Amino acid sequence: MSGDRLLQFDWPLPRGVRAAFTTRNGGTSPAPWDSFNLAGHVGDAAEVVAANRAQLVSQLALPAEPAWLNQVHGSEVVDLDSRQLSGGPVTGDASIAGSPARVCVILVADCLPVLFATRDGRRIGAAHAGWRGLVGGVLEATVKALAVDPSTLTAWLGPAISREHFEVGADVRYAFLGSDPGAESLFAPNSRGRWQADLVGLARRHLERLGVGLVAGGHWCTYADRTHFYSYRRDGGGGRMAALIWKE
């Protein structure tokens, strides 16, 4: 961690592309959002969220305000090069860009953030990949919208809830196996007659099937690390962290 405010991760980015993932630390939000909550829809005071977002822009020396989305666990991809975002958040669960001064951002607190960049740095993207988004094809939609050979893409998987803590019902398992029977190994039965789902493993499988050239990250559990991460399933609420990628 960098002063416990930013996650340190090893992802070989091309020149001119930067990425970051915030922790829950270093902001001004009171409990239960303490302290670096970046979401405006979780009950935290609007002025506090605005202050945290302003701090983020300054801390990372961002070239523009991040393109905050109204995330709905779907598969809609927002092209930041062609959309006017000044009128408020646009509904979507992924964003892409090719122009400089466009900041793709995803908010999470157990769902998996996936960042994308082409090896030449020409295209970038970010996707919100909870189980509904994965089933709904958000990664496939993002890769399609980037409009490049998938083998030229690199992807980074951020902190998310791990299989040890992600219990789901049979309906979730069937939703994945209905289109990909080979995903069966990513669900482990538990003593309650339900299933422990490997969200990161499922995302890796989707990316591999898409032909994405390099996939990094995926080593952190939001549920297990209370010090650094919010977890909706653990806490029943709280704040949100941000995964960001941009071109300088």
Protein backbone atom coordinates (compact mmCIF):
# COMPACT_ATOMS: atom_id res chain seq x y z
CA MET A 1 0.00 0.00 0.00
CA SER A 2 1.11 3.58 -0.61
CA GLY A 3 0.43 5.26 2.69
CA ASP A 4 -2.44 2.76 2.92
CA ARG A 5 -4.36 4.92 0.44
CA LEU A 6 -3.55 3.16 -2.83
CA LEU A 7 -3.11 -0.49 -3.65
CA GLN A 8 0.30 -1.42 -4.96
CA PHE A 9 0.02 -3.82 -7.88
CA ASP A 10 2.27 -5.19 -10.58
CA TRP A 11 0.75 -4.74 -14.02
CA PRO A 12 2.96 -3.94 -17.03
CA LEU A 13 1.25 -0.86 -18.45
CA PRO A 14 2.30 0.72 -21.72
CA ARG A 15 3.91 4.14 -21.73
CA GLY A 16 1.41 6.93 -21.21
CA VAL A 17 -1.19 4.79 -19.43
CA ARG A 18 -1.70 4.91 -15.68
CA ALA A 19 -3.95 2.95 -13.32
CA ALA A 20 -4.82 3.01 -9.63
CA PHE A 21 -7.01 1.32 -7.04
CA THR A 22 -8.04 3.14 -3.88
CA THR A 23 -8.35 1.61 -0.43
CA ARG A 24 -10.86 2.64 2.21
CA ASN A 25 -8.23 4.76 4.00
CA GLY A 26 -7.23 8.41 3.91
CA GLY A 27 -10.53 10.20 3.38
CA THR A 28 -13.01 12.17 5.47
CA SER A 29 -16.12 9.97 5.58
CA PRO A 30 -17.44 9.04 9.05
CA ALA A 31 -18.44 5.50 10.03
CA PRO A 32 -19.81 3.31 8.55
CA TRP A 33 -18.22 4.72 5.37
CA ASP A 34 -14.87 5.43 7.02
CA SER A 35 -13.01 6.89 5.48
CA PHE A 36 -12.27 7.22 1.74
CA ASN A 37 -15.72 6.45 0.35
CA LEU A 38 -16.08 7.54 -3.28
CA ALA A 39 -19.70 6.52 -3.90
CA GLY A 40 -22.60 8.95 -3.80
CA HIS A 41 -25.36 6.34 -3.56
CA VAL A 42 -24.57 4.65 -0.23
CA GLY A 43 -25.90 7.22 2.26
CA ASP A 44 -22.70 9.17 2.87
CA ALA A 45 -23.10 12.96 2.83
CA ALA A 46 -22.80 14.43 -0.67
CA GLU A 47 -20.32 17.11 0.40
CA VAL A 48 -18.08 14.49 2.02
CA VAL A 49 -18.09 12.32 -1.10
CA ALA A 50 -17.31 15.39 -3.20
CA ALA A 51 -14.36 16.20 -0.93
CA ASN A 52 -13.04 12.64 -1.20
CA ARG A 53 -13.36 12.73 -4.98
CA ALA A 54 -11.56 16.06 -5.16
CA GLN A 55 -8.79 14.61 -3.02
CA LEU A 56 -8.55 11.64 -5.41
CA VAL A 57 -8.18 13.90 -8.44
CA SER A 58 -5.45 15.87 -6.70
CA GLN A 59 -3.66 12.84 -5.24
CA LEU A 60 -3.40 11.08 -8.60
CA ALA A 61 -2.94 14.29 -10.62
CA LEU A 62 -5.75 13.13 -12.87
CA PRO A 63 -6.16 14.96 -16.19
CA ALA A 64 -9.94 15.18 -15.71
CA GLU A 65 -12.75 14.22 -13.37
CA PRO A 66 -13.31 10.45 -13.50
CA ALA A 67 -16.33 9.40 -15.54
CA TRP A 68 -18.45 8.11 -12.65
CA LEU A 69 -21.11 5.69 -13.85
CA ASN A 70 -24.49 4.68 -12.50
CA GLN A 71 -23.64 0.99 -12.19
CA VAL A 72 -26.55 -1.45 -12.40
CA HIS A 73 -24.86 -4.89 -12.67
CA GLY A 74 -25.49 -4.96 -16.40
CA SER A 75 -23.34 -5.07 -19.53
CA GLU A 76 -23.72 -1.58 -21.02
CA VAL A 77 -20.40 -0.08 -22.15
CA VAL A 78 -19.99 3.71 -22.24
CA ASP A 79 -17.62 5.12 -24.88
CA LEU A 80 -16.10 8.15 -23.17
CA ASP A 81 -14.83 9.52 -26.47
CA SER A 82 -18.35 9.99 -27.79
CA ARG A 83 -20.48 10.70 -24.70
CA GLN A 84 -21.07 13.99 -22.95
CA LEU A 85 -20.83 13.29 -19.23
CA SER A 86 -21.39 16.78 -17.83
CA GLY A 87 -25.09 16.16 -17.23
CA GLY A 88 -24.50 13.62 -14.44
CA PRO A 89 -23.62 9.94 -14.25
CA VAL A 90 -24.39 7.81 -17.29
CA THR A 91 -25.83 4.35 -16.68
CA GLY A 92 -23.38 1.59 -17.53
CA ASP A 93 -21.10 -1.03 -16.04
CA ALA A 94 -18.04 -0.44 -18.19
CA SER A 95 -16.33 2.40 -19.97
CA ILE A 96 -13.72 2.65 -22.70
CA ALA A 97 -11.59 5.43 -24.14
CA GLY A 98 -8.93 6.14 -26.70
CA SER A 99 -8.44 9.85 -26.21
CA PRO A 100 -6.22 11.38 -23.52
CA ALA A 101 -7.86 13.10 -20.55
CA ARG A 102 -10.55 10.42 -20.24
CA VAL A 103 -10.58 8.65 -16.87
CA CYS A 104 -12.39 5.30 -16.75
CA VAL A 105 -13.52 4.38 -13.24
CA ILE A 106 -15.43 1.55 -11.57
CA LEU A 107 -16.71 1.52 -7.98
CA VAL A 108 -16.63 -1.75 -6.04
CA ALA A 109 -17.04 -3.30 -2.59
CA ASP A 110 -16.92 -7.06 -3.38
CA CYS A 111 -17.62 -7.16 -7.11
CA LEU A 112 -14.57 -7.51 -9.32
CA PRO A 113 -13.08 -4.49 -11.13
CA VAL A 114 -11.37 -5.36 -14.42
CA LEU A 115 -9.09 -2.82 -16.11
CA PHE A 116 -8.00 -3.12 -19.75
CA ALA A 117 -5.24 -1.62 -21.86
CA THR A 118 -3.86 -2.44 -25.27
CA ARG A 119 -0.16 -3.21 -25.32
CA ASP A 120 0.46 -0.10 -27.43
CA GLY A 121 -1.54 2.11 -25.04
CA ARG A 122 -4.00 3.16 -27.73
CA ARG A 123 -7.15 1.90 -25.98
CA ILE A 124 -8.18 1.56 -22.33
CA GLY A 125 -11.25 0.36 -20.46
CA ALA A 126 -12.74 -0.60 -17.11
CA ALA A 127 -15.51 -3.06 -16.26
CA HIS A 128 -17.65 -3.84 -13.20
CA ALA A 129 -17.75 -7.63 -13.02
CA GLY A 130 -19.96 -8.98 -10.28
CA TRP A 131 -21.56 -12.36 -10.90
CA ARG A 132 -24.56 -10.79 -12.67
CA GLY A 133 -22.28 -8.78 -14.93
CA LEU A 134 -20.19 -11.83 -15.77
CA VAL A 135 -23.26 -13.87 -16.64
CA GLY A 136 -24.65 -10.92 -18.61
CA GLY A 137 -21.49 -10.60 -20.70
CA VAL A 138 -19.96 -7.35 -19.43
CA LEU A 139 -16.41 -8.53 -20.18
CA GLU A 140 -17.37 -9.71 -23.64
CA ALA A 141 -19.13 -6.40 -24.31
CA THR A 142 -16.12 -4.41 -23.13
CA VAL A 143 -13.65 -6.34 -25.26
CA LYS A 144 -15.96 -5.98 -28.27
CA ALA A 145 -16.31 -2.23 -27.70
CA LEU A 146 -12.53 -1.80 -27.51
CA ALA A 147 -12.50 -3.04 -31.12
CA VAL A 148 -9.01 -4.52 -31.11
CA ASP A 149 -7.54 -7.99 -31.43
CA PRO A 150 -8.08 -9.46 -27.92
CA SER A 151 -4.57 -10.92 -27.97
CA THR A 152 -3.23 -7.36 -27.90
CA LEU A 153 -5.09 -6.61 -24.67
CA THR A 154 -3.80 -6.80 -21.13
CA ALA A 155 -6.23 -6.98 -18.19
CA TRP A 156 -5.91 -6.45 -14.46
CA LEU A 157 -8.21 -8.03 -11.87
CA GLY A 158 -8.60 -5.98 -8.73
CA PRO A 159 -9.70 -6.82 -5.18
CA ALA A 160 -12.95 -8.79 -4.90
CA ILE A 161 -14.63 -11.25 -2.59
CA SER A 162 -12.82 -14.60 -2.61
CA ARG A 163 -14.33 -18.06 -2.99
CA GLU A 164 -13.88 -18.72 0.74
CA HIS A 165 -16.38 -15.96 1.53
CA PHE A 166 -18.62 -15.87 -1.55
CA GLU A 167 -21.53 -18.20 -0.88
CA VAL A 168 -24.17 -18.43 -3.63
CA GLY A 169 -27.24 -20.47 -4.36
CA ALA A 170 -27.76 -23.10 -7.03
CA ASP A 171 -29.36 -20.48 -9.27
CA VAL A 172 -26.07 -18.60 -9.61
CA ARG A 173 -24.16 -21.79 -10.37
CA TYR A 174 -26.71 -22.82 -13.00
CA ALA A 175 -26.55 -19.37 -14.57
CA PHE A 176 -22.84 -19.89 -15.31
CA LEU A 177 -22.96 -23.58 -16.18
CA GLY A 178 -25.82 -23.03 -18.60
CA SER A 179 -23.44 -21.31 -21.01
CA ASP A 180 -20.16 -22.81 -19.85
CA PRO A 181 -20.28 -26.32 -18.32
CA GLY A 182 -16.51 -26.16 -17.88
CA ALA A 183 -16.95 -23.59 -15.12
CA GLU A 184 -18.15 -26.32 -12.74
CA SER A 185 -14.74 -26.54 -11.06
CA LEU A 186 -15.08 -22.92 -9.91
CA PHE A 187 -17.96 -23.79 -7.57
CA ALA A 188 -17.33 -25.79 -4.39
CA PRO A 189 -20.24 -27.28 -2.38
CA ASN A 190 -20.46 -26.24 1.27
CA SER A 191 -22.06 -27.77 4.36
CA ARG A 192 -25.19 -25.62 3.98
CA GLY A 193 -26.20 -27.12 0.67
CA ARG A 194 -25.00 -24.04 -1.20
CA TRP A 195 -21.89 -23.17 -3.20
CA GLN A 196 -18.68 -21.20 -2.77
CA ALA A 197 -18.08 -19.35 -6.04
CA ASP A 198 -14.68 -18.29 -7.36
CA LEU A 199 -15.54 -14.89 -8.86
CA VAL A 200 -11.97 -14.13 -9.89
CA GLY A 201 -11.58 -17.58 -11.43
CA LEU A 202 -14.80 -17.12 -13.38
CA ALA A 203 -13.58 -13.78 -14.73
CA ARG A 204 -10.23 -15.31 -15.71
CA ARG A 205 -12.09 -18.04 -17.58
CA HIS A 206 -14.15 -15.47 -19.49
CA LEU A 207 -11.03 -13.51 -20.42
CA GLU A 208 -9.15 -16.64 -21.50
CA ARG A 209 -12.06 -17.71 -23.70
CA LEU A 210 -12.07 -14.23 -25.23
CA GLY A 211 -8.38 -14.57 -26.04
CA VAL A 212 -7.12 -11.70 -23.89
CA GLY A 213 -3.34 -11.86 -24.08
CA LEU A 214 -2.26 -11.15 -20.49
CA VAL A 215 -4.27 -11.24 -17.26
CA ALA A 216 -2.70 -9.94 -14.03
CA GLY A 217 -3.87 -9.39 -10.45
CA GLY A 218 -6.74 -11.12 -8.69
CA HIS A 219 -4.87 -11.75 -5.44
CA TRP A 220 -6.83 -9.70 -2.88
CA CYS A 221 -10.01 -10.49 -0.92
CA THR A 222 -12.21 -7.56 0.04
CA TYR A 223 -14.11 -9.57 2.65
CA ALA A 224 -11.00 -10.83 4.47
CA ASP A 225 -9.10 -7.52 4.62
CA ARG A 226 -11.19 -5.17 6.76
CA THR A 227 -8.25 -2.78 7.21
CA HIS A 228 -7.95 -1.83 3.55
CA PHE A 229 -11.19 -2.75 1.82
CA TYR A 230 -14.90 -2.18 2.04
CA SER A 231 -17.02 -5.32 1.73
CA TYR A 232 -20.77 -5.10 1.21
CA ARG A 233 -21.30 -8.75 2.08
CA ARG A 234 -19.22 -8.53 5.26
CA ASP A 235 -20.62 -5.22 6.53
CA GLY A 236 -24.06 -5.03 4.92
CA GLY A 237 -23.26 -1.56 3.63
CA GLY A 238 -20.38 0.89 3.88
CA GLY A 239 -18.46 2.70 1.18
CA ARG A 240 -16.98 1.94 -2.21
CA MET A 241 -13.45 1.85 -3.58
CA ALA A 242 -12.43 2.91 -7.07
CA ALA A 243 -10.46 1.27 -9.86
CA LEU A 244 -9.22 3.82 -12.38
CA ILE A 245 -7.33 3.83 -15.65
CA TRP A 246 -6.44 6.82 -17.83
CA LYS A 247 -4.12 8.11 -20.53
CA GLU A 248 -1.79 10.97 -19.76
